[in-house]
């Protein structure tokens, strides 16, 4: 698998209540998307970003990181072949991503995702 970008998923109770700290204080002024339960805020110059998450919409667990993969289907096959625990199967979501959740040996849950163009 090749990771194209990694986003930190920060658990929050309320995206709207939390966002001013990240947009004003940290300068992550570009709201790339906001679906109510997850939103990404980015610095327009550096590309630094975070995702705020209140709870995943479809997966049974929240992820600590979102790993944007070049080929999510191949990454899924690789994770299965390696015997890693799949905690959410490969799924094409209604909001336009294809993803799965895998648990790293240290227990960290990763959302391995590919956005359709």
PDB file of N, CA and C in Angstrom:
ATOM      1  N   UNK A   1       0.846  -1.184   0.000  1.00  0.00           N
ATOM      2  CA  UNK A   1       0.000   0.000   0.000  1.00  0.00           C
ATOM      3  C   UNK A   1       0.882   1.234   0.000  1.00  0.00           C
ATOM      4  N   UNK A   2       0.433   2.252  -0.682  1.00  0.00           N
ATOM      5  CA  UNK A   2       1.118   3.541  -0.671  1.00  0.00           C
ATOM      6  C   UNK A   2       0.180   4.574  -0.062  1.00  0.00           C
ATOM      7  N   UNK A   3       0.618   5.182   1.054  1.00  0.00           N
ATOM      8  CA  UNK A   3      -0.159   6.234   1.707  1.00  0.00           C
ATOM      9  C   UNK A   3       0.102   7.556   0.987  1.00  0.00           C
ATOM     10  N   UNK A   4      -0.953   8.162   0.487  1.00  0.00           N
ATOM     11  CA  UNK A   4      -0.846   9.422  -0.236  1.00  0.00           C
ATOM     12  C   UNK A   4      -0.938  10.628   0.711  1.00  0.00           C
ATOM     13  N   UNK A   5      -1.696  10.461   1.787  1.00  0.00           N
ATOM     14  CA  UNK A   5      -1.890  11.515   2.788  1.00  0.00           C
ATOM     15  C   UNK A   5      -2.413  10.829   4.037  1.00  0.00           C
ATOM     16  N   UNK A   6      -2.062  11.359   5.201  1.00  0.00           N
ATOM     17  CA  UNK A   6      -2.589  10.834   6.459  1.00  0.00           C
ATOM     18  C   UNK A   6      -3.219  11.980   7.223  1.00  0.00           C
ATOM     19  N   UNK A   7      -4.453  11.785   7.657  1.00  0.00           N
ATOM     20  CA  UNK A   7      -5.191  12.798   8.412  1.00  0.00           C
ATOM     21  C   UNK A   7      -5.413  12.304   9.832  1.00  0.00           C
ATOM     22  N   UNK A   8      -5.143  13.167  10.794  1.00  0.00           N
ATOM     23  CA  UNK A   8      -5.435  12.854  12.183  1.00  0.00           C
ATOM     24  C   UNK A   8      -6.921  13.085  12.429  1.00  0.00           C
ATOM     25  N   UNK A   9      -7.582  12.110  13.025  1.00  0.00           N
ATOM     26  CA  UNK A   9      -9.007  12.218  13.361  1.00  0.00           C
ATOM     27  C   UNK A   9      -9.114  12.531  14.851  1.00  0.00           C
ATOM     28  N   UNK A  10      -9.580  13.722  15.156  1.00  0.00           N
ATOM     29  CA  UNK A  10      -9.687  14.163  16.539  1.00  0.00           C
ATOM     30  C   UNK A  10     -11.133  13.994  17.005  1.00  0.00           C
ATOM     31  N   UNK A  11     -11.343  13.193  18.055  1.00  0.00           N
ATOM     32  CA  UNK A  11     -12.719  13.029  18.551  1.00  0.00           C
ATOM     33  C   UNK A  11     -13.193  14.289  19.262  1.00  0.00           C
ATOM     34  N   UNK A  12     -14.366  14.763  18.884  1.00  0.00           N
ATOM     35  CA  UNK A  12     -14.983  15.941  19.510  1.00  0.00           C
ATOM     36  C   UNK A  12     -16.456  15.639  19.764  1.00  0.00           C
ATOM     37  N   UNK A  13     -17.041  16.364  20.698  1.00  0.00           N
ATOM     38  CA  UNK A  13     -18.467  16.201  20.966  1.00  0.00           C
ATOM     39  C   UNK A  13     -19.322  16.905  19.923  1.00  0.00           C
ATOM     40  N   UNK A  14     -18.816  18.029  19.404  1.00  0.00           N
ATOM     41  CA  UNK A  14     -19.581  18.859  18.475  1.00  0.00           C
ATOM     42  C   UNK A  14     -18.607  19.543  17.523  1.00  0.00           C
ATOM     43  N   UNK A  15     -18.683  19.242  16.235  1.00  0.00           N
ATOM     44  CA  UNK A  15     -17.771  19.810  15.247  1.00  0.00           C
ATOM     45  C   UNK A  15     -17.864  21.335  15.242  1.00  0.00           C
ATOM     46  N   UNK A  16     -19.068  21.877  15.210  1.00  0.00           N
ATOM     47  CA  UNK A  16     -19.240  23.328  15.132  1.00  0.00           C
ATOM     48  C   UNK A  16     -18.677  24.036  16.358  1.00  0.00           C
ATOM     49  N   UNK A  17     -18.855  23.446  17.534  1.00  0.00           N
ATOM     50  CA  UNK A  17     -18.340  24.061  18.761  1.00  0.00           C
ATOM     51  C   UNK A  17     -16.817  24.003  18.818  1.00  0.00           C
ATOM     52  N   UNK A  18     -16.238  22.982  18.229  1.00  0.00           N
ATOM     53  CA  UNK A  18     -14.787  22.791  18.304  1.00  0.00           C
ATOM     54  C   UNK A  18     -14.021  23.519  17.210  1.00  0.00           C
ATOM     55  N   UNK A  19     -14.651  23.804  16.088  1.00  0.00           N
ATOM     56  CA  UNK A  19     -13.901  24.239  14.913  1.00  0.00           C
ATOM     57  C   UNK A  19     -13.196  25.580  15.059  1.00  0.00           C
ATOM     58  N   UNK A  20     -13.704  26.516  15.849  1.00  0.00           N
ATOM     59  CA  UNK A  20     -13.065  27.835  15.935  1.00  0.00           C
ATOM     60  C   UNK A  20     -11.648  27.755  16.500  1.00  0.00           C
ATOM     61  N   UNK A  21     -11.390  26.835  17.416  1.00  0.00           N
ATOM     62  CA  UNK A  21     -10.030  26.679  17.939  1.00  0.00           C
ATOM     63  C   UNK A  21      -9.080  26.314  16.796  1.00  0.00           C
ATOM     64  N   UNK A  22      -9.484  25.365  15.971  1.00  0.00           N
ATOM     65  CA  UNK A  22      -8.620  24.879  14.901  1.00  0.00           C
ATOM     66  C   UNK A  22      -8.525  25.864  13.739  1.00  0.00           C
ATOM     67  N   UNK A  23      -9.621  26.566  13.452  1.00  0.00           N
ATOM     68  CA  UNK A  23      -9.589  27.518  12.341  1.00  0.00           C
ATOM     69  C   UNK A  23      -8.969  28.854  12.737  1.00  0.00           C
ATOM     70  N   UNK A  24      -9.307  29.357  13.913  1.00  0.00           N
ATOM     71  CA  UNK A  24      -8.798  30.662  14.340  1.00  0.00           C
ATOM     72  C   UNK A  24      -7.399  30.561  14.949  1.00  0.00           C
ATOM     73  N   UNK A  25      -7.252  29.770  15.986  1.00  0.00           N
ATOM     74  CA  UNK A  25      -5.976  29.692  16.687  1.00  0.00           C
ATOM     75  C   UNK A  25      -4.899  28.996  15.856  1.00  0.00           C
ATOM     76  N   UNK A  26      -5.206  27.865  15.246  1.00  0.00           N
ATOM     77  CA  UNK A  26      -4.211  27.133  14.467  1.00  0.00           C
ATOM     78  C   UNK A  26      -4.111  27.602  13.021  1.00  0.00           C
ATOM     79  N   UNK A  27      -5.083  28.410  12.578  1.00  0.00           N
ATOM     80  CA  UNK A  27      -5.031  28.945  11.216  1.00  0.00           C
ATOM     81  C   UNK A  27      -5.438  27.965  10.130  1.00  0.00           C
ATOM     82  N   UNK A  28      -6.151  26.908  10.509  1.00  0.00           N
ATOM     83  CA  UNK A  28      -6.621  25.934   9.521  1.00  0.00           C
ATOM     84  C   UNK A  28      -7.933  26.462   8.945  1.00  0.00           C
ATOM     85  N   UNK A  29      -7.814  27.490   8.121  1.00  0.00           N
ATOM     86  CA  UNK A  29      -8.967  28.298   7.729  1.00  0.00           C
ATOM     87  C   UNK A  29      -9.813  27.742   6.600  1.00  0.00           C
ATOM     88  N   UNK A  30      -9.318  26.755   5.878  1.00  0.00           N
ATOM     89  CA  UNK A  30     -10.102  26.200   4.773  1.00  0.00           C
ATOM     90  C   UNK A  30     -10.889  24.993   5.272  1.00  0.00           C
ATOM     91  N   UNK A  31     -12.200  25.075   5.160  1.00  0.00           N
ATOM     92  CA  UNK A  31     -13.059  23.937   5.491  1.00  0.00           C
ATOM     93  C   UNK A  31     -13.216  23.120   4.212  1.00  0.00           C
ATOM     94  N   UNK A  32     -12.473  22.010   4.117  1.00  0.00           N
ATOM     95  CA  UNK A  32     -12.512  21.193   2.904  1.00  0.00           C
ATOM     96  C   UNK A  32     -13.861  20.510   2.753  1.00  0.00           C
ATOM     97  N   UNK A  33     -14.410  20.037   3.858  1.00  0.00           N
ATOM     98  CA  UNK A  33     -15.748  19.462   3.857  1.00  0.00           C
ATOM     99  C   UNK A  33     -16.247  19.443   5.290  1.00  0.00           C
ATOM    100  N   UNK A  34     -17.558  19.392   5.427  1.00  0.00           N
ATOM    101  CA  UNK A  34     -18.185  19.295   6.746  1.00  0.00           C
ATOM    102  C   UNK A  34     -19.504  18.549   6.560  1.00  0.00           C
ATOM    103  N   UNK A  35     -19.538  17.325   7.056  1.00  0.00           N
ATOM    104  CA  UNK A  35     -20.738  16.505   6.942  1.00  0.00           C
ATOM    105  C   UNK A  35     -21.486  16.420   8.263  1.00  0.00           C
ATOM    106  N   UNK A  36     -21.171  17.320   9.190  1.00  0.00           N
ATOM    107  CA  UNK A  36     -21.844  17.318  10.484  1.00  0.00           C
ATOM    108  C   UNK A  36     -21.161  16.432  11.498  1.00  0.00           C
ATOM    109  N   UNK A  37     -20.856  15.202  11.110  1.00  0.00           N
ATOM    110  CA  UNK A  37     -20.188  14.268  12.016  1.00  0.00           C
ATOM    111  C   UNK A  37     -18.686  14.191  11.773  1.00  0.00           C
ATOM    112  N   UNK A  38     -18.223  14.716  10.637  1.00  0.00           N
ATOM    113  CA  UNK A  38     -16.792  14.792  10.324  1.00  0.00           C
ATOM    114  C   UNK A  38     -16.553  16.025   9.457  1.00  0.00           C
ATOM    115  N   UNK A  39     -15.443  16.717   9.754  1.00  0.00           N
ATOM    116  CA  UNK A  39     -15.074  17.893   8.971  1.00  0.00           C
ATOM    117  C   UNK A  39     -13.553  17.985   8.923  1.00  0.00           C
ATOM    118  N   UNK A  40     -13.031  18.468   7.792  1.00  0.00           N
ATOM    119  CA  UNK A  40     -11.582  18.652   7.659  1.00  0.00           C
ATOM    120  C   UNK A  40     -11.279  20.129   7.495  1.00  0.00           C
ATOM    121  N   UNK A  41     -10.294  20.591   8.271  1.00  0.00           N
ATOM    122  CA  UNK A  41      -9.848  21.982   8.238  1.00  0.00           C
ATOM    123  C   UNK A  41      -8.361  22.003   7.900  1.00  0.00           C
ATOM    124  N   UNK A  42      -7.995  22.888   6.954  1.00  0.00           N
ATOM    125  CA  UNK A  42      -6.653  22.877   6.372  1.00  0.00           C
ATOM    126  C   UNK A  42      -6.069  24.278   6.301  1.00  0.00           C
ATOM    127  N   UNK A  43      -4.748  24.375   6.483  1.00  0.00           N
ATOM    128  CA  UNK A  43      -4.032  25.624   6.254  1.00  0.00           C
ATOM    129  C   UNK A  43      -3.817  25.737   4.745  1.00  0.00           C
ATOM    130  N   UNK A  44      -4.257  26.833   4.126  1.00  0.00           N
ATOM    131  CA  UNK A  44      -4.166  26.938   2.668  1.00  0.00           C
ATOM    132  C   UNK A  44      -2.734  27.001   2.144  1.00  0.00           C
ATOM    133  N   UNK A  45      -1.797  27.426   2.959  1.00  0.00           N
ATOM    134  CA  UNK A  45      -0.410  27.553   2.498  1.00  0.00           C
ATOM    135  C   UNK A  45       0.408  26.290   2.751  1.00  0.00           C
ATOM    136  N   UNK A  46       0.322  25.748   3.956  1.00  0.00           N
ATOM    137  CA  UNK A  46       1.166  24.601   4.304  1.00  0.00           C
ATOM    138  C   UNK A  46       0.523  23.255   3.999  1.00  0.00           C
ATOM    139  N   UNK A  47      -0.812  23.230   3.941  1.00  0.00           N
ATOM    140  CA  UNK A  47      -1.515  21.963   3.753  1.00  0.00           C
ATOM    141  C   UNK A  47      -1.726  21.194   5.047  1.00  0.00           C
ATOM    142  N   UNK A  48      -1.227  21.713   6.170  1.00  0.00           N
ATOM    143  CA  UNK A  48      -1.463  21.065   7.466  1.00  0.00           C
ATOM    144  C   UNK A  48      -2.968  20.984   7.696  1.00  0.00           C
ATOM    145  N   UNK A  49      -3.432  19.872   8.255  1.00  0.00           N
ATOM    146  CA  UNK A  49      -4.871  19.706   8.422  1.00  0.00           C
ATOM    147  C   UNK A  49      -5.193  18.749   9.558  1.00  0.00           C
ATOM    148  N   UNK A  50      -6.439  18.830  10.011  1.00  0.00           N
ATOM    149  CA  UNK A  50      -7.004  17.891  10.984  1.00  0.00           C
ATOM    150  C   UNK A  50      -8.429  17.585  10.555  1.00  0.00           C
ATOM    151  N   UNK A  51      -8.911  16.450  11.029  1.00  0.00           N
ATOM    152  CA  UNK A  51     -10.321  16.115  10.855  1.00  0.00           C
ATOM    153  C   UNK A  51     -10.937  16.013  12.243  1.00  0.00           C
ATOM    154  N   UNK A  52     -12.083  16.645  12.422  1.00  0.00           N
ATOM    155  CA  UNK A  52     -12.828  16.571  13.667  1.00  0.00           C
ATOM    156  C   UNK A  52     -13.959  15.575  13.452  1.00  0.00           C
ATOM    157  N   UNK A  53     -14.108  14.633  14.388  1.00  0.00           N
ATOM    158  CA  UNK A  53     -15.077  13.554  14.227  1.00  0.00           C
ATOM    159  C   UNK A  53     -15.895  13.395  15.500  1.00  0.00           C
ATOM    160  N   UNK A  54     -17.222  13.413  15.356  1.00  0.00           N
ATOM    161  CA  UNK A  54     -18.095  13.188  16.521  1.00  0.00           C
ATOM    162  C   UNK A  54     -18.437  11.719  16.700  1.00  0.00           C
ATOM    163  N   UNK A  55     -18.294  10.935  15.664  1.00  0.00           N
ATOM    164  CA  UNK A  55     -18.617   9.507  15.673  1.00  0.00           C
ATOM    165  C   UNK A  55     -18.850   9.091  14.239  1.00  0.00           C
ATOM    166  N   UNK A  56     -18.227   8.007  13.826  1.00  0.00           N
ATOM    167  CA  UNK A  56     -18.341   7.596  12.434  1.00  0.00           C
ATOM    168  C   UNK A  56     -19.793   7.276  12.081  1.00  0.00           C
ATOM    169  N   UNK A  57     -20.208   7.684  10.905  1.00  0.00           N
ATOM    170  CA  UNK A  57     -21.598   7.513  10.485  1.00  0.00           C
ATOM    171  C   UNK A  57     -21.980   6.051  10.254  1.00  0.00           C
ATOM    172  N   UNK A  58     -21.066   5.239   9.702  1.00  0.00           N
ATOM    173  CA  UNK A  58     -21.437   3.876   9.346  1.00  0.00           C
ATOM    174  C   UNK A  58     -20.592   2.793  10.013  1.00  0.00           C
ATOM    175  N   UNK A  59     -19.368   3.101  10.393  1.00  0.00           N
ATOM    176  CA  UNK A  59     -18.491   2.094  11.001  1.00  0.00           C
ATOM    177  C   UNK A  59     -18.821   1.940  12.484  1.00  0.00           C
ATOM    178  N   UNK A  60     -18.581   0.750  13.040  1.00  0.00           N
ATOM    179  CA  UNK A  60     -18.934   0.486  14.429  1.00  0.00           C
ATOM    180  C   UNK A  60     -17.950   1.083  15.435  1.00  0.00           C
ATOM    181  N   UNK A  61     -16.872   1.683  14.960  1.00  0.00           N
ATOM    182  CA  UNK A  61     -15.822   2.223  15.817  1.00  0.00           C
ATOM    183  C   UNK A  61     -15.240   3.447  15.130  1.00  0.00           C
ATOM    184  N   UNK A  62     -14.663   4.354  15.891  1.00  0.00           N
ATOM    185  CA  UNK A  62     -13.999   5.515  15.305  1.00  0.00           C
ATOM    186  C   UNK A  62     -12.535   5.188  15.033  1.00  0.00           C
ATOM    187  N   UNK A  63     -11.971   5.861  14.053  1.00  0.00           N
ATOM    188  CA  UNK A  63     -10.568   5.654  13.706  1.00  0.00           C
ATOM    189  C   UNK A  63      -9.727   6.808  14.232  1.00  0.00           C
ATOM    190  N   UNK A  64      -8.461   6.512  14.519  1.00  0.00           N
ATOM    191  CA  UNK A  64      -7.534   7.537  14.988  1.00  0.00           C
ATOM    192  C   UNK A  64      -6.919   8.305  13.823  1.00  0.00           C
ATOM    193  N   UNK A  65      -6.771   7.601  12.699  1.00  0.00           N
ATOM    194  CA  UNK A  65      -6.155   8.185  11.507  1.00  0.00           C
ATOM    195  C   UNK A  65      -6.947   7.792  10.273  1.00  0.00           C
ATOM    196  N   UNK A  66      -6.929   8.665   9.280  1.00  0.00           N
ATOM    197  CA  UNK A  66      -7.423   8.313   7.956  1.00  0.00           C
ATOM    198  C   UNK A  66      -6.225   8.293   7.036  1.00  0.00           C
ATOM    199  N   UNK A  67      -5.990   7.150   6.422  1.00  0.00           N
ATOM    200  CA  UNK A  67      -4.873   6.974   5.509  1.00  0.00           C
ATOM    201  C   UNK A  67      -5.443   6.950   4.098  1.00  0.00           C
ATOM    202  N   UNK A  68      -5.096   7.940   3.313  1.00  0.00           N
ATOM    203  CA  UNK A  68      -5.586   8.059   1.951  1.00  0.00           C
ATOM    204  C   UNK A  68      -4.679   7.206   1.063  1.00  0.00           C
ATOM    205  N   UNK A  69      -5.204   6.101   0.581  1.00  0.00           N
ATOM    206  CA  UNK A  69      -4.421   5.117  -0.163  1.00  0.00           C
ATOM    207  C   UNK A  69      -4.520   5.339  -1.659  1.00  0.00           C
ATOM    208  N   UNK A  70      -3.465   4.948  -2.360  1.00  0.00           N
ATOM    209  CA  UNK A  70      -3.489   5.044  -3.815  1.00  0.00           C
ATOM    210  C   UNK A  70      -4.399   3.984  -4.422  1.00  0.00           C
ATOM    211  N   UNK A  71      -4.517   2.816  -3.763  1.00  0.00           N
ATOM    212  CA  UNK A  71      -5.357   1.719  -4.250  1.00  0.00           C
ATOM    213  C   UNK A  71      -5.959   1.012  -3.034  1.00  0.00           C
ATOM    214  N   UNK A  72      -7.153   1.401  -2.655  1.00  0.00           N
ATOM    215  CA  UNK A  72      -7.764   0.880  -1.431  1.00  0.00           C
ATOM    216  C   UNK A  72      -8.105  -0.605  -1.550  1.00  0.00           C
ATOM    217  N   UNK A  73      -8.454  -1.072  -2.737  1.00  0.00           N
ATOM    218  CA  UNK A  73      -8.758  -2.493  -2.918  1.00  0.00           C
ATOM    219  C   UNK A  73      -7.511  -3.346  -2.693  1.00  0.00           C
ATOM    220  N   UNK A  74      -6.385  -2.901  -3.233  1.00  0.00           N
ATOM    221  CA  UNK A  74      -5.128  -3.622  -3.033  1.00  0.00           C
ATOM    222  C   UNK A  74      -4.699  -3.555  -1.568  1.00  0.00           C
ATOM    223  N   UNK A  75      -4.909  -2.416  -0.925  1.00  0.00           N
ATOM    224  CA  UNK A  75      -4.562  -2.282   0.491  1.00  0.00           C
ATOM    225  C   UNK A  75      -5.392  -3.233   1.343  1.00  0.00           C
ATOM    226  N   UNK A  76      -6.664  -3.378   1.006  1.00  0.00           N
ATOM    227  CA  UNK A  76      -7.547  -4.301   1.722  1.00  0.00           C
ATOM    228  C   UNK A  76      -7.045  -5.737   1.582  1.00  0.00           C
ATOM    229  N   UNK A  77      -6.708  -6.135   0.359  1.00  0.00           N
ATOM    230  CA  UNK A  77      -6.190  -7.485   0.128  1.00  0.00           C
ATOM    231  C   UNK A  77      -4.881  -7.699   0.883  1.00  0.00           C
ATOM    232  N   UNK A  78      -4.042  -6.690   0.904  1.00  0.00           N
ATOM    233  CA  UNK A  78      -2.760  -6.770   1.613  1.00  0.00           C
ATOM    234  C   UNK A  78      -2.968  -6.917   3.119  1.00  0.00           C
ATOM    235  N   UNK A  79      -3.904  -6.146   3.674  1.00  0.00           N
ATOM    236  CA  UNK A  79      -4.202  -6.228   5.113  1.00  0.00           C
ATOM    237  C   UNK A  79      -4.741  -7.611   5.473  1.00  0.00           C
ATOM    238  N   UNK A  80      -5.622  -8.134   4.633  1.00  0.00           N
ATOM    239  CA  UNK A  80      -6.162  -9.469   4.881  1.00  0.00           C
ATOM    240  C   UNK A  80      -5.062 -10.530   4.805  1.00  0.00           C
ATOM    241  N   UNK A  81      -4.222 -10.444   3.793  1.00  0.00           N
ATOM    242  CA  UNK A  81      -3.143 -11.423   3.625  1.00  0.00           C
ATOM    243  C   UNK A  81      -2.168 -11.392   4.791  1.00  0.00           C
ATOM    244  N   UNK A  82      -1.974 -10.210   5.375  1.00  0.00           N
ATOM    245  CA  UNK A  82      -1.068 -10.070   6.507  1.00  0.00           C
ATOM    246  C   UNK A  82      -1.709 -10.531   7.816  1.00  0.00           C
ATOM    247  N   UNK A  83      -3.020 -10.783   7.786  1.00  0.00           N
ATOM    248  CA  UNK A  83      -3.718 -11.248   8.977  1.00  0.00           C
ATOM    249  C   UNK A  83      -4.116 -10.158   9.941  1.00  0.00           C
ATOM    250  N   UNK A  84      -4.119  -8.902   9.477  1.00  0.00           N
ATOM    251  CA  UNK A  84      -4.539  -7.799  10.346  1.00  0.00           C
ATOM    252  C   UNK A  84      -6.044  -7.850  10.553  1.00  0.00           C
ATOM    253  N   UNK A  85      -6.475  -7.399  11.714  1.00  0.00           N
ATOM    254  CA  UNK A  85      -7.903  -7.404  12.035  1.00  0.00           C
ATOM    255  C   UNK A  85      -8.621  -6.319  11.238  1.00  0.00           C
ATOM    256  N   UNK A  86      -9.582  -6.723  10.447  1.00  0.00           N
ATOM    257  CA  UNK A  86     -10.440  -5.788   9.716  1.00  0.00           C
ATOM    258  C   UNK A  86     -11.631  -5.505  10.629  1.00  0.00           C
ATOM    259  N   UNK A  87     -11.778  -4.253  11.032  1.00  0.00           N
ATOM    260  CA  UNK A  87     -12.871  -3.925  11.950  1.00  0.00           C
ATOM    261  C   UNK A  87     -14.073  -3.311  11.234  1.00  0.00           C
ATOM    262  N   UNK A  88     -13.894  -2.966   9.967  1.00  0.00           N
ATOM    263  CA  UNK A  88     -14.994  -2.505   9.118  1.00  0.00           C
ATOM    264  C   UNK A  88     -14.621  -2.906   7.696  1.00  0.00           C
ATOM    265  N   UNK A  89     -15.448  -3.695   7.023  1.00  0.00           N
ATOM    266  CA  UNK A  89     -15.066  -4.248   5.716  1.00  0.00           C
ATOM    267  C   UNK A  89     -15.006  -3.184   4.621  1.00  0.00           C
ATOM    268  N   UNK A  90     -14.365  -3.538   3.539  1.00  0.00           N
ATOM    269  CA  UNK A  90     -14.260  -2.659   2.382  1.00  0.00           C
ATOM    270  C   UNK A  90     -15.661  -2.283   1.918  1.00  0.00           C
ATOM    271  N   UNK A  91     -15.926  -0.977   1.884  1.00  0.00           N
ATOM    272  CA  UNK A  91     -17.271  -0.471   1.626  1.00  0.00           C
ATOM    273  C   UNK A  91     -17.190   0.782   0.765  1.00  0.00           C
ATOM    274  N   UNK A  92     -18.090   0.907  -0.190  1.00  0.00           N
ATOM    275  CA  UNK A  92     -18.255   2.161  -0.918  1.00  0.00           C
ATOM    276  C   UNK A  92     -19.378   2.926  -0.224  1.00  0.00           C
ATOM    277  N   UNK A  93     -19.024   4.057   0.362  1.00  0.00           N
ATOM    278  CA  UNK A  93     -19.970   4.847   1.154  1.00  0.00           C
ATOM    279  C   UNK A  93     -20.788   5.775   0.265  1.00  0.00           C
ATOM    280  N   UNK A  94     -21.969   6.128   0.737  1.00  0.00           N
ATOM    281  CA  UNK A  94     -22.879   6.981  -0.030  1.00  0.00           C
ATOM    282  C   UNK A  94     -22.311   8.369  -0.291  1.00  0.00           C
ATOM    283  N   UNK A  95     -21.331   8.822   0.499  1.00  0.00           N
ATOM    284  CA  UNK A  95     -20.771  10.157   0.323  1.00  0.00           C
ATOM    285  C   UNK A  95     -19.539  10.149  -0.597  1.00  0.00           C
ATOM    286  N   UNK A  96     -19.275   9.026  -1.255  1.00  0.00           N
ATOM    287  CA  UNK A  96     -18.313   9.019  -2.334  1.00  0.00           C
ATOM    288  C   UNK A  96     -16.915   8.514  -2.020  1.00  0.00           C
ATOM    289  N   UNK A  97     -16.732   7.812  -0.921  1.00  0.00           N
ATOM    290  CA  UNK A  97     -15.426   7.221  -0.642  1.00  0.00           C
ATOM    291  C   UNK A  97     -15.542   5.704  -0.612  1.00  0.00           C
ATOM    292  N   UNK A  98     -14.426   5.045  -0.854  1.00  0.00           N
ATOM    293  CA  UNK A  98     -14.324   3.597  -0.691  1.00  0.00           C
ATOM    294  C   UNK A  98     -13.302   3.398   0.412  1.00  0.00           C
ATOM    295  N   UNK A  99     -13.641   2.596   1.434  1.00  0.00           N
ATOM    296  CA  UNK A  99     -12.777   2.518   2.597  1.00  0.00           C
ATOM    297  C   UNK A  99     -12.972   1.231   3.383  1.00  0.00           C
ATOM    298  N   UNK A 100     -12.035   0.989   4.290  1.00  0.00           N
ATOM    299  CA  UNK A 100     -12.151  -0.060   5.285  1.00  0.00           C
ATOM    300  C   UNK A 100     -11.384   0.373   6.523  1.00  0.00           C
ATOM    301  N   UNK A 101     -11.672  -0.242   7.651  1.00  0.00           N
ATOM    302  CA  UNK A 101     -10.958   0.032   8.891  1.00  0.00           C
ATOM    303  C   UNK A 101     -10.138  -1.189   9.245  1.00  0.00           C
ATOM    304  N   UNK A 102      -8.895  -0.955   9.633  1.00  0.00           N
ATOM    305  CA  UNK A 102      -7.993  -2.029  10.034  1.00  0.00           C
ATOM    306  C   UNK A 102      -7.367  -1.648  11.378  1.00  0.00           C
ATOM    307  N   UNK A 103      -7.158  -2.660  12.230  1.00  0.00           N
ATOM    308  CA  UNK A 103      -6.523  -2.412  13.523  1.00  0.00           C
ATOM    309  C   UNK A 103      -5.037  -2.749  13.411  1.00  0.00           C
ATOM    310  N   UNK A 104      -4.187  -1.782  13.730  1.00  0.00           N
ATOM    311  CA  UNK A 104      -2.745  -2.008  13.761  1.00  0.00           C
ATOM    312  C   UNK A 104      -2.422  -2.927  14.946  1.00  0.00           C
ATOM    313  N   UNK A 105      -1.285  -3.600  14.912  1.00  0.00           N
ATOM    314  CA  UNK A 105      -0.922  -4.482  16.028  1.00  0.00           C
ATOM    315  C   UNK A 105      -0.892  -3.783  17.385  1.00  0.00           C
ATOM    316  N   UNK A 106      -0.674  -2.453  17.398  1.00  0.00           N
ATOM    317  CA  UNK A 106      -0.671  -1.719  18.672  1.00  0.00           C
ATOM    318  C   UNK A 106      -2.067  -1.339  19.146  1.00  0.00           C
ATOM    319  N   UNK A 107      -3.092  -1.676  18.355  1.00  0.00           N
ATOM    320  CA  UNK A 107      -4.475  -1.391  18.719  1.00  0.00           C
ATOM    321  C   UNK A 107      -5.080  -0.176  18.046  1.00  0.00           C
ATOM    322  N   UNK A 108      -4.277   0.640  17.390  1.00  0.00           N
ATOM    323  CA  UNK A 108      -4.770   1.837  16.713  1.00  0.00           C
ATOM    324  C   UNK A 108      -5.636   1.435  15.515  1.00  0.00           C
ATOM    325  N   UNK A 109      -6.803   2.064  15.386  1.00  0.00           N
ATOM    326  CA  UNK A 109      -7.699   1.793  14.269  1.00  0.00           C
ATOM    327  C   UNK A 109      -7.471   2.852  13.191  1.00  0.00           C
ATOM    328  N   UNK A 110      -7.235   2.364  11.969  1.00  0.00           N
ATOM    329  CA  UNK A 110      -7.010   3.242  10.829  1.00  0.00           C
ATOM    330  C   UNK A 110      -8.132   3.099   9.815  1.00  0.00           C
ATOM    331  N   UNK A 111      -8.574   4.223   9.293  1.00  0.00           N
ATOM    332  CA  UNK A 111      -9.542   4.287   8.200  1.00  0.00           C
ATOM    333  C   UNK A 111      -8.720   4.390   6.921  1.00  0.00           C
ATOM    334  N   UNK A 112      -8.659   3.333   6.146  1.00  0.00           N
ATOM    335  CA  UNK A 112      -7.923   3.342   4.887  1.00  0.00           C
ATOM    336  C   UNK A 112      -8.931   3.683   3.806  1.00  0.00           C
ATOM    337  N   UNK A 113      -8.697   4.787   3.090  1.00  0.00           N
ATOM    338  CA  UNK A 113      -9.744   5.382   2.273  1.00  0.00           C
ATOM    339  C   UNK A 113      -9.216   5.840   0.922  1.00  0.00           C
ATOM    340  N   UNK A 114     -10.103   5.853  -0.053  1.00  0.00           N
ATOM    341  CA  UNK A 114      -9.816   6.427  -1.356  1.00  0.00           C
ATOM    342  C   UNK A 114     -11.038   7.234  -1.784  1.00  0.00           C
ATOM    343  N   UNK A 115     -10.816   8.484  -2.115  1.00  0.00           N
ATOM    344  CA  UNK A 115     -11.898   9.355  -2.594  1.00  0.00           C
ATOM    345  C   UNK A 115     -12.040   9.172  -4.094  1.00  0.00           C
ATOM    346  N   UNK A 116     -13.260   8.943  -4.533  1.00  0.00           N
ATOM    347  CA  UNK A 116     -13.506   8.849  -5.971  1.00  0.00           C
ATOM    348  C   UNK A 116     -13.316  10.207  -6.590  1.00  0.00           C
ATOM    349  N   UNK A 117     -12.777  10.240  -7.786  1.00  0.00           N
ATOM    350  CA  UNK A 117     -12.541  11.515  -8.480  1.00  0.00           C
ATOM    351  C   UNK A 117     -13.773  12.002  -9.163  1.00  0.00           C
TER     352      UNK A 117
END
